[in-house]
Structures are given as C-alpha cells and as structure tokens.
C-alpha cells in the first residue's frame, strides 16, 4: 500500500501530517529535559547541600573564635580584639 492509498483510507490530509510532525517534534524536545518535578527535586537537594556546607563553615568559624578567646580573661577587650584578628 502506498502513501496516497493510506492517506485516502484513513482520511488524512497534508495538514494532518504536518500537525503530527510538529506534535512529535514538541514531544521529543520535551524528552531532552527531566520532568519539572525531578528538576525541582534536584535543585532542592543541591540547595540543602549548600546549606549544610554553610552550617559546617559556621561551626568551624564558631569553634575557632571560641578557641581563640578561651585564655583571655573576661572584660579585656584589647586582648579579645587582638585574638580575633589572628583567627
């Protein structure tokens, strides 16, 4: 069976073929990226990882400051200032 016979049998027009081709192109183009829910989940996990890194940085800085101030008597602002500048 040739294309013209099939077209007549199914009642298809040239516009139907063009529309189907356009729909298929859109469908295949949509497959190039993961679904939106997957993309949002990936983005969320990446942000959580960044947040965890920020918390770790904060904890290290907090620990360093506390260690630097351990041997300084309370109320000695000059020594505190010098110790914090060394951290």
PDB file of N, CA and C in Angstrom:
ATOM      1  N   UNK A   1       0.853  -1.170   0.000  1.00  0.00           N
ATOM      2  CA  UNK A   1       0.000   0.000   0.000  1.00  0.00           C
ATOM      3  C   UNK A   1       0.900   1.236   0.000  1.00  0.00           C
ATOM      4  N   UNK A   2       0.620   2.162  -0.887  1.00  0.00           N
ATOM      5  CA  UNK A   2       1.423   3.379  -0.961  1.00  0.00           C
ATOM      6  C   UNK A   2       0.809   4.477  -0.077  1.00  0.00           C
ATOM      7  N   UNK A   3       1.527   5.579   0.045  1.00  0.00           N
ATOM      8  CA  UNK A   3       1.119   6.656   0.934  1.00  0.00           C
ATOM      9  C   UNK A   3      -0.221   7.254   0.526  1.00  0.00           C
ATOM     10  N   UNK A   4      -0.443   7.436  -0.755  1.00  0.00           N
ATOM     11  CA  UNK A   4      -1.715   8.030  -1.202  1.00  0.00           C
ATOM     12  C   UNK A   4      -2.891   7.133  -0.850  1.00  0.00           C
ATOM     13  N   UNK A   5      -2.732   5.828  -0.993  1.00  0.00           N
ATOM     14  CA  UNK A   5      -3.813   4.896  -0.649  1.00  0.00           C
ATOM     15  C   UNK A   5      -4.079   4.923   0.851  1.00  0.00           C
ATOM     16  N   UNK A   6      -3.017   4.956   1.638  1.00  0.00           N
ATOM     17  CA  UNK A   6      -3.155   5.001   3.090  1.00  0.00           C
ATOM     18  C   UNK A   6      -3.811   6.307   3.525  1.00  0.00           C
ATOM     19  N   UNK A   7      -3.416   7.397   2.907  1.00  0.00           N
ATOM     20  CA  UNK A   7      -3.994   8.707   3.222  1.00  0.00           C
ATOM     21  C   UNK A   7      -5.498   8.694   2.934  1.00  0.00           C
ATOM     22  N   UNK A   8      -5.882   8.134   1.789  1.00  0.00           N
ATOM     23  CA  UNK A   8      -7.297   8.073   1.414  1.00  0.00           C
ATOM     24  C   UNK A   8      -8.066   7.154   2.371  1.00  0.00           C
ATOM     25  N   UNK A   9      -7.459   6.028   2.715  1.00  0.00           N
ATOM     26  CA  UNK A   9      -8.110   5.063   3.598  1.00  0.00           C
ATOM     27  C   UNK A   9      -8.369   5.652   4.982  1.00  0.00           C
ATOM     28  N   UNK A  10      -7.388   6.397   5.513  1.00  0.00           N
ATOM     29  CA  UNK A  10      -7.509   6.971   6.860  1.00  0.00           C
ATOM     30  C   UNK A  10      -8.105   8.377   6.870  1.00  0.00           C
ATOM     31  N   UNK A  11      -8.316   8.939   5.695  1.00  0.00           N
ATOM     32  CA  UNK A  11      -8.890  10.284   5.613  1.00  0.00           C
ATOM     33  C   UNK A  11      -7.944  11.362   6.107  1.00  0.00           C
ATOM     34  N   UNK A  12      -6.665  11.200   5.796  1.00  0.00           N
ATOM     35  CA  UNK A  12      -5.655  12.154   6.235  1.00  0.00           C
ATOM     36  C   UNK A  12      -5.359  13.174   5.155  1.00  0.00           C
ATOM     37  N   UNK A  13      -4.955  14.370   5.596  1.00  0.00           N
ATOM     38  CA  UNK A  13      -4.567  15.436   4.664  1.00  0.00           C
ATOM     39  C   UNK A  13      -3.108  15.795   4.907  1.00  0.00           C
ATOM     40  N   UNK A  14      -2.584  16.623   4.021  1.00  0.00           N
ATOM     41  CA  UNK A  14      -1.195  17.090   4.216  1.00  0.00           C
ATOM     42  C   UNK A  14      -1.060  17.840   5.538  1.00  0.00           C
ATOM     43  N   UNK A  15      -2.101  18.592   5.915  1.00  0.00           N
ATOM     44  CA  UNK A  15      -2.065  19.343   7.171  1.00  0.00           C
ATOM     45  C   UNK A  15      -1.978  18.387   8.374  1.00  0.00           C
ATOM     46  N   UNK A  16      -2.638  17.225   8.271  1.00  0.00           N
ATOM     47  CA  UNK A  16      -2.565  16.235   9.350  1.00  0.00           C
ATOM     48  C   UNK A  16      -1.127  15.749   9.541  1.00  0.00           C
ATOM     49  N   UNK A  17      -0.439  15.503   8.425  1.00  0.00           N
ATOM     50  CA  UNK A  17       0.952  15.044   8.513  1.00  0.00           C
ATOM     51  C   UNK A  17       1.847  16.118   9.129  1.00  0.00           C
ATOM     52  N   UNK A  18       1.624  17.376   8.725  1.00  0.00           N
ATOM     53  CA  UNK A  18       2.425  18.471   9.283  1.00  0.00           C
ATOM     54  C   UNK A  18       2.144  18.650  10.777  1.00  0.00           C
ATOM     55  N   UNK A  19       0.863  18.555  11.164  1.00  0.00           N
ATOM     56  CA  UNK A  19       0.496  18.688  12.579  1.00  0.00           C
ATOM     57  C   UNK A  19       1.126  17.561  13.401  1.00  0.00           C
ATOM     58  N   UNK A  20       1.060  16.333  12.894  1.00  0.00           N
ATOM     59  CA  UNK A  20       1.647  15.194  13.606  1.00  0.00           C
ATOM     60  C   UNK A  20       3.162  15.355  13.745  1.00  0.00           C
ATOM     61  N   UNK A  21       3.781  15.849  12.691  1.00  0.00           N
ATOM     62  CA  UNK A  21       5.225  16.060  12.739  1.00  0.00           C
ATOM     63  C   UNK A  21       5.574  17.116  13.792  1.00  0.00           C
ATOM     64  N   UNK A  22       4.780  18.188  13.839  1.00  0.00           N
ATOM     65  CA  UNK A  22       5.021  19.239  14.827  1.00  0.00           C
ATOM     66  C   UNK A  22       4.797  18.713  16.243  1.00  0.00           C
ATOM     67  N   UNK A  23       3.743  17.924  16.453  1.00  0.00           N
ATOM     68  CA  UNK A  23       3.480  17.343  17.769  1.00  0.00           C
ATOM     69  C   UNK A  23       4.603  16.399  18.193  1.00  0.00           C
ATOM     70  N   UNK A  24       5.094  15.614  17.255  1.00  0.00           N
ATOM     71  CA  UNK A  24       6.181  14.690  17.573  1.00  0.00           C
ATOM     72  C   UNK A  24       7.457  15.458  17.915  1.00  0.00           C
ATOM     73  N   UNK A  25       7.718  16.537  17.193  1.00  0.00           N
ATOM     74  CA  UNK A  25       8.901  17.355  17.471  1.00  0.00           C
ATOM     75  C   UNK A  25       8.819  17.942  18.890  1.00  0.00           C
ATOM     76  N   UNK A  26       7.630  18.451  19.252  1.00  0.00           N
ATOM     77  CA  UNK A  26       7.452  19.010  20.599  1.00  0.00           C
ATOM     78  C   UNK A  26       7.623  17.928  21.658  1.00  0.00           C
ATOM     79  N   UNK A  27       7.052  16.760  21.413  1.00  0.00           N
ATOM     80  CA  UNK A  27       7.158  15.653  22.363  1.00  0.00           C
ATOM     81  C   UNK A  27       8.621  15.248  22.564  1.00  0.00           C
ATOM     82  N   UNK A  28       9.351  15.056  21.463  1.00  0.00           N
ATOM     83  CA  UNK A  28      10.749  14.642  21.553  1.00  0.00           C
ATOM     84  C   UNK A  28      11.610  15.719  22.193  1.00  0.00           C
ATOM     85  N   UNK A  29      11.299  16.968  21.909  1.00  0.00           N
ATOM     86  CA  UNK A  29      12.043  18.070  22.513  1.00  0.00           C
ATOM     87  C   UNK A  29      11.829  18.092  24.022  1.00  0.00           C
ATOM     88  N   UNK A  30      10.613  17.742  24.466  1.00  0.00           N
ATOM     89  CA  UNK A  30      10.320  17.692  25.893  1.00  0.00           C
ATOM     90  C   UNK A  30      11.059  16.581  26.597  1.00  0.00           C
ATOM     91  N   UNK A  31      11.462  15.559  25.880  1.00  0.00           N
ATOM     92  CA  UNK A  31      12.187  14.442  26.489  1.00  0.00           C
ATOM     93  C   UNK A  31      13.644  14.775  26.766  1.00  0.00           C
ATOM     94  N   UNK A  32      14.128  15.893  26.241  1.00  0.00           N
ATOM     95  CA  UNK A  32      15.530  16.258  26.421  1.00  0.00           C
ATOM     96  C   UNK A  32      15.817  16.681  27.853  1.00  0.00           C
ATOM     97  N   UNK A  33      14.799  17.127  28.583  1.00  0.00           N
ATOM     98  CA  UNK A  33      14.970  17.542  29.964  1.00  0.00           C
ATOM     99  C   UNK A  33      14.142  16.636  30.856  1.00  0.00           C
ATOM    100  N   UNK A  34      14.628  16.410  32.082  1.00  0.00           N
ATOM    101  CA  UNK A  34      13.828  15.624  33.019  1.00  0.00           C
ATOM    102  C   UNK A  34      12.516  16.359  33.337  1.00  0.00           C
ATOM    103  N   UNK A  35      11.521  15.647  33.800  1.00  0.00           N
ATOM    104  CA  UNK A  35      10.256  16.294  34.173  1.00  0.00           C
ATOM    105  C   UNK A  35      10.487  17.379  35.230  1.00  0.00           C
ATOM    106  N   UNK A  36       9.600  18.355  35.268  1.00  0.00           N
ATOM    107  CA  UNK A  36       9.761  19.506  36.158  1.00  0.00           C
ATOM    108  C   UNK A  36       9.880  19.082  37.624  1.00  0.00           C
ATOM    109  N   UNK A  37       9.117  18.081  38.048  1.00  0.00           N
ATOM    110  CA  UNK A  37       9.218  17.634  39.451  1.00  0.00           C
ATOM    111  C   UNK A  37      10.606  17.096  39.760  1.00  0.00           C
ATOM    112  N   UNK A  38      11.192  16.382  38.814  1.00  0.00           N
ATOM    113  CA  UNK A  38      12.549  15.860  39.014  1.00  0.00           C
ATOM    114  C   UNK A  38      13.555  17.003  39.075  1.00  0.00           C
ATOM    115  N   UNK A  39      13.398  17.981  38.180  1.00  0.00           N
ATOM    116  CA  UNK A  39      14.321  19.120  38.183  1.00  0.00           C
ATOM    117  C   UNK A  39      14.224  19.905  39.486  1.00  0.00           C
ATOM    118  N   UNK A  40      12.994  20.099  39.978  1.00  0.00           N
ATOM    119  CA  UNK A  40      12.817  20.819  41.241  1.00  0.00           C
ATOM    120  C   UNK A  40      13.398  20.037  42.410  1.00  0.00           C
ATOM    121  N   UNK A  41      13.239  18.729  42.409  1.00  0.00           N
ATOM    122  CA  UNK A  41      13.805  17.893  43.476  1.00  0.00           C
ATOM    123  C   UNK A  41      15.323  17.977  43.480  1.00  0.00           C
ATOM    124  N   UNK A  42      15.921  17.937  42.303  1.00  0.00           N
ATOM    125  CA  UNK A  42      17.379  18.033  42.189  1.00  0.00           C
ATOM    126  C   UNK A  42      17.855  19.386  42.706  1.00  0.00           C
ATOM    127  N   UNK A  43      17.163  20.443  42.327  1.00  0.00           N
ATOM    128  CA  UNK A  43      17.519  21.794  42.777  1.00  0.00           C
ATOM    129  C   UNK A  43      17.405  21.896  44.301  1.00  0.00           C
ATOM    130  N   UNK A  44      16.345  21.323  44.847  1.00  0.00           N
ATOM    131  CA  UNK A  44      16.127  21.342  46.300  1.00  0.00           C
ATOM    132  C   UNK A  44      17.267  20.636  47.030  1.00  0.00           C
ATOM    133  N   UNK A  45      17.668  19.483  46.534  1.00  0.00           N
ATOM    134  CA  UNK A  45      18.764  18.735  47.162  1.00  0.00           C
ATOM    135  C   UNK A  45      20.067  19.530  47.077  1.00  0.00           C
ATOM    136  N   UNK A  46      20.324  20.168  45.938  1.00  0.00           N
ATOM    137  CA  UNK A  46      21.543  20.981  45.794  1.00  0.00           C
ATOM    138  C   UNK A  46      21.549  22.123  46.801  1.00  0.00           C
ATOM    139  N   UNK A  47      20.400  22.751  47.008  1.00  0.00           N
ATOM    140  CA  UNK A  47      20.314  23.858  47.971  1.00  0.00           C
ATOM    141  C   UNK A  47      20.518  23.342  49.387  1.00  0.00           C
ATOM    142  N   UNK A  48      19.956  22.166  49.692  1.00  0.00           N
ATOM    143  CA  UNK A  48      20.186  21.577  51.016  1.00  0.00           C
ATOM    144  C   UNK A  48      21.667  21.277  51.243  1.00  0.00           C
ATOM    145  N   UNK A  49      22.356  20.807  50.196  1.00  0.00           N
ATOM    146  CA  UNK A  49      23.804  20.562  50.305  1.00  0.00           C
ATOM    147  C   UNK A  49      24.555  21.852  50.591  1.00  0.00           C
ATOM    148  N   UNK A  50      24.181  22.930  49.895  1.00  0.00           N
ATOM    149  CA  UNK A  50      24.821  24.231  50.130  1.00  0.00           C
ATOM    150  C   UNK A  50      24.570  24.708  51.556  1.00  0.00           C
ATOM    151  N   UNK A  51      23.347  24.506  52.033  1.00  0.00           N
ATOM    152  CA  UNK A  51      23.012  24.899  53.403  1.00  0.00           C
ATOM    153  C   UNK A  51      23.859  24.119  54.409  1.00  0.00           C
ATOM    154  N   UNK A  52      24.028  22.833  54.173  1.00  0.00           N
ATOM    155  CA  UNK A  52      24.848  22.012  55.068  1.00  0.00           C
ATOM    156  C   UNK A  52      26.296  22.508  55.076  1.00  0.00           C
ATOM    157  N   UNK A  53      26.814  22.910  53.907  1.00  0.00           N
ATOM    158  CA  UNK A  53      28.174  23.448  53.839  1.00  0.00           C
ATOM    159  C   UNK A  53      28.277  24.761  54.615  1.00  0.00           C
ATOM    160  N   UNK A  54      27.259  25.597  54.515  1.00  0.00           N
ATOM    161  CA  UNK A  54      27.259  26.869  55.255  1.00  0.00           C
ATOM    162  C   UNK A  54      27.234  26.617  56.758  1.00  0.00           C
ATOM    163  N   UNK A  55      26.429  25.646  57.183  1.00  0.00           N
ATOM    164  CA  UNK A  55      26.399  25.304  58.608  1.00  0.00           C
ATOM    165  C   UNK A  55      27.764  24.798  59.072  1.00  0.00           C
ATOM    166  N   UNK A  56      28.414  23.986  58.262  1.00  0.00           N
ATOM    167  CA  UNK A  56      29.738  23.462  58.623  1.00  0.00           C
ATOM    168  C   UNK A  56      30.751  24.603  58.709  1.00  0.00           C
ATOM    169  N   UNK A  57      30.691  25.540  57.760  1.00  0.00           N
ATOM    170  CA  UNK A  57      31.592  26.707  57.791  1.00  0.00           C
ATOM    171  C   UNK A  57      31.360  27.520  59.064  1.00  0.00           C
ATOM    172  N   UNK A  58      30.087  27.725  59.387  1.00  0.00           N
ATOM    173  CA  UNK A  58      29.751  28.478  60.593  1.00  0.00           C
ATOM    174  C   UNK A  58      30.292  27.768  61.837  1.00  0.00           C
ATOM    175  N   UNK A  59      30.085  26.461  61.910  1.00  0.00           N
ATOM    176  CA  UNK A  59      30.559  25.701  63.075  1.00  0.00           C
ATOM    177  C   UNK A  59      32.075  25.796  63.220  1.00  0.00           C
ATOM    178  N   UNK A  60      32.806  25.722  62.088  1.00  0.00           N
ATOM    179  CA  UNK A  60      34.268  25.840  62.149  1.00  0.00           C
ATOM    180  C   UNK A  60      34.685  27.239  62.621  1.00  0.00           C
ATOM    181  N   UNK A  61      34.020  28.267  62.102  1.00  0.00           N
ATOM    182  CA  UNK A  61      34.348  29.637  62.499  1.00  0.00           C
ATOM    183  C   UNK A  61      34.010  29.867  63.968  1.00  0.00           C
ATOM    184  N   UNK A  62      32.885  29.362  64.385  1.00  0.00           N
ATOM    185  CA  UNK A  62      32.462  29.499  65.783  1.00  0.00           C
ATOM    186  C   UNK A  62      33.463  28.825  66.716  1.00  0.00           C
ATOM    187  N   UNK A  63      33.889  27.645  66.334  1.00  0.00           N
ATOM    188  CA  UNK A  63      34.864  26.908  67.140  1.00  0.00           C
ATOM    189  C   UNK A  63      36.202  27.643  67.191  1.00  0.00           C
ATOM    190  N   UNK A  64      36.638  28.192  66.057  1.00  0.00           N
ATOM    191  CA  UNK A  64      37.913  28.913  66.019  1.00  0.00           C
ATOM    192  C   UNK A  64      37.870  30.151  66.907  1.00  0.00           C
ATOM    193  N   UNK A  65      36.754  30.876  66.873  1.00  0.00           N
ATOM    194  CA  UNK A  65      36.629  32.084  67.706  1.00  0.00           C
ATOM    195  C   UNK A  65      36.611  31.699  69.177  1.00  0.00           C
ATOM    196  N   UNK A  66      35.841  30.678  69.508  1.00  0.00           N
ATOM    197  CA  UNK A  66      35.799  30.254  70.919  1.00  0.00           C
ATOM    198  C   UNK A  66      37.177  29.803  71.405  1.00  0.00           C
ATOM    199  N   UNK A  67      37.904  29.086  70.555  1.00  0.00           N
ATOM    200  CA  UNK A  67      39.254  28.637  70.942  1.00  0.00           C
ATOM    201  C   UNK A  67      40.185  29.816  71.133  1.00  0.00           C
ATOM    202  N   UNK A  68      40.047  30.828  70.279  1.00  0.00           N
ATOM    203  CA  UNK A  68      40.932  31.996  70.376  1.00  0.00           C
ATOM    204  C   UNK A  68      40.656  32.796  71.640  1.00  0.00           C
ATOM    205  N   UNK A  69      39.428  32.755  72.133  1.00  0.00           N
ATOM    206  CA  UNK A  69      39.064  33.570  73.288  1.00  0.00           C
ATOM    207  C   UNK A  69      39.147  32.807  74.616  1.00  0.00           C
ATOM    208  N   UNK A  70      39.474  31.537  74.577  1.00  0.00           N
ATOM    209  CA  UNK A  70      39.456  30.699  75.788  1.00  0.00           C
ATOM    210  C   UNK A  70      40.392  31.203  76.877  1.00  0.00           C
ATOM    211  N   UNK A  71      41.583  31.622  76.521  1.00  0.00           N
ATOM    212  CA  UNK A  71      42.603  32.007  77.518  1.00  0.00           C
ATOM    213  C   UNK A  71      42.559  33.482  77.884  1.00  0.00           C
ATOM    214  N   UNK A  72      41.623  34.230  77.348  1.00  0.00           N
ATOM    215  CA  UNK A  72      41.577  35.672  77.622  1.00  0.00           C
ATOM    216  C   UNK A  72      40.588  35.937  78.753  1.00  0.00           C
ATOM    217  N   UNK A  73      41.025  36.677  79.770  1.00  0.00           N
ATOM    218  CA  UNK A  73      40.113  36.998  80.870  1.00  0.00           C
ATOM    219  C   UNK A  73      38.947  37.869  80.380  1.00  0.00           C
ATOM    220  N   UNK A  74      37.796  37.679  80.985  1.00  0.00           N
ATOM    221  CA  UNK A  74      36.613  38.465  80.611  1.00  0.00           C
ATOM    222  C   UNK A  74      36.876  39.948  80.833  1.00  0.00           C
ATOM    223  N   UNK A  75      36.374  40.756  79.957  1.00  0.00           N
ATOM    224  CA  UNK A  75      36.472  42.197  80.111  1.00  0.00           C
ATOM    225  C   UNK A  75      37.711  42.805  79.488  1.00  0.00           C
ATOM    226  N   UNK A  76      38.657  42.008  79.004  1.00  0.00           N
ATOM    227  CA  UNK A  76      39.858  42.551  78.397  1.00  0.00           C
ATOM    228  C   UNK A  76      39.624  42.680  76.887  1.00  0.00           C
ATOM    229  N   UNK A  77      39.007  43.766  76.496  1.00  0.00           N
ATOM    230  CA  UNK A  77      38.591  43.980  75.109  1.00  0.00           C
ATOM    231  C   UNK A  77      39.774  44.068  74.155  1.00  0.00           C
ATOM    232  N   UNK A  78      40.880  44.663  74.600  1.00  0.00           N
ATOM    233  CA  UNK A  78      42.044  44.788  73.709  1.00  0.00           C
ATOM    234  C   UNK A  78      42.606  43.410  73.347  1.00  0.00           C
ATOM    235  N   UNK A  79      42.742  42.545  74.340  1.00  0.00           N
ATOM    236  CA  UNK A  79      43.256  41.207  74.078  1.00  0.00           C
ATOM    237  C   UNK A  79      42.272  40.395  73.204  1.00  0.00           C
ATOM    238  N   UNK A  80      40.971  40.605  73.452  1.00  0.00           N
ATOM    239  CA  UNK A  80      39.950  39.927  72.636  1.00  0.00           C
ATOM    240  C   UNK A  80      40.077  40.358  71.178  1.00  0.00           C
ATOM    241  N   UNK A  81      40.228  41.666  70.989  1.00  0.00           N
ATOM    242  CA  UNK A  81      40.354  42.202  69.636  1.00  0.00           C
ATOM    243  C   UNK A  81      41.584  41.618  68.932  1.00  0.00           C
ATOM    244  N   UNK A  82      42.703  41.598  69.621  1.00  0.00           N
ATOM    245  CA  UNK A  82      43.931  41.044  69.033  1.00  0.00           C
ATOM    246  C   UNK A  82      43.776  39.558  68.713  1.00  0.00           C
ATOM    247  N   UNK A  83      43.171  38.816  69.623  1.00  0.00           N
ATOM    248  CA  UNK A  83      42.993  37.366  69.413  1.00  0.00           C
ATOM    249  C   UNK A  83      42.072  37.094  68.223  1.00  0.00           C
ATOM    250  N   UNK A  84      41.013  37.870  68.096  1.00  0.00           N
ATOM    251  CA  UNK A  84      40.074  37.659  66.973  1.00  0.00           C
ATOM    252  C   UNK A  84      40.698  38.036  65.634  1.00  0.00           C
ATOM    253  N   UNK A  85      41.603  38.998  65.628  1.00  0.00           N
ATOM    254  CA  UNK A  85      42.275  39.387  64.389  1.00  0.00           C
ATOM    255  C   UNK A  85      43.247  38.314  63.925  1.00  0.00           C
ATOM    256  N   UNK A  86      43.692  37.454  64.839  1.00  0.00           N
ATOM    257  CA  UNK A  86      44.618  36.388  64.468  1.00  0.00           C
ATOM    258  C   UNK A  86      43.892  35.171  63.896  1.00  0.00           C
ATOM    259  N   UNK A  87      42.581  35.088  64.124  1.00  0.00           N
ATOM    260  CA  UNK A  87      41.809  33.912  63.672  1.00  0.00           C
ATOM    261  C   UNK A  87      41.586  33.954  62.207  1.00  0.00           C
TER     262      UNK A  87
END
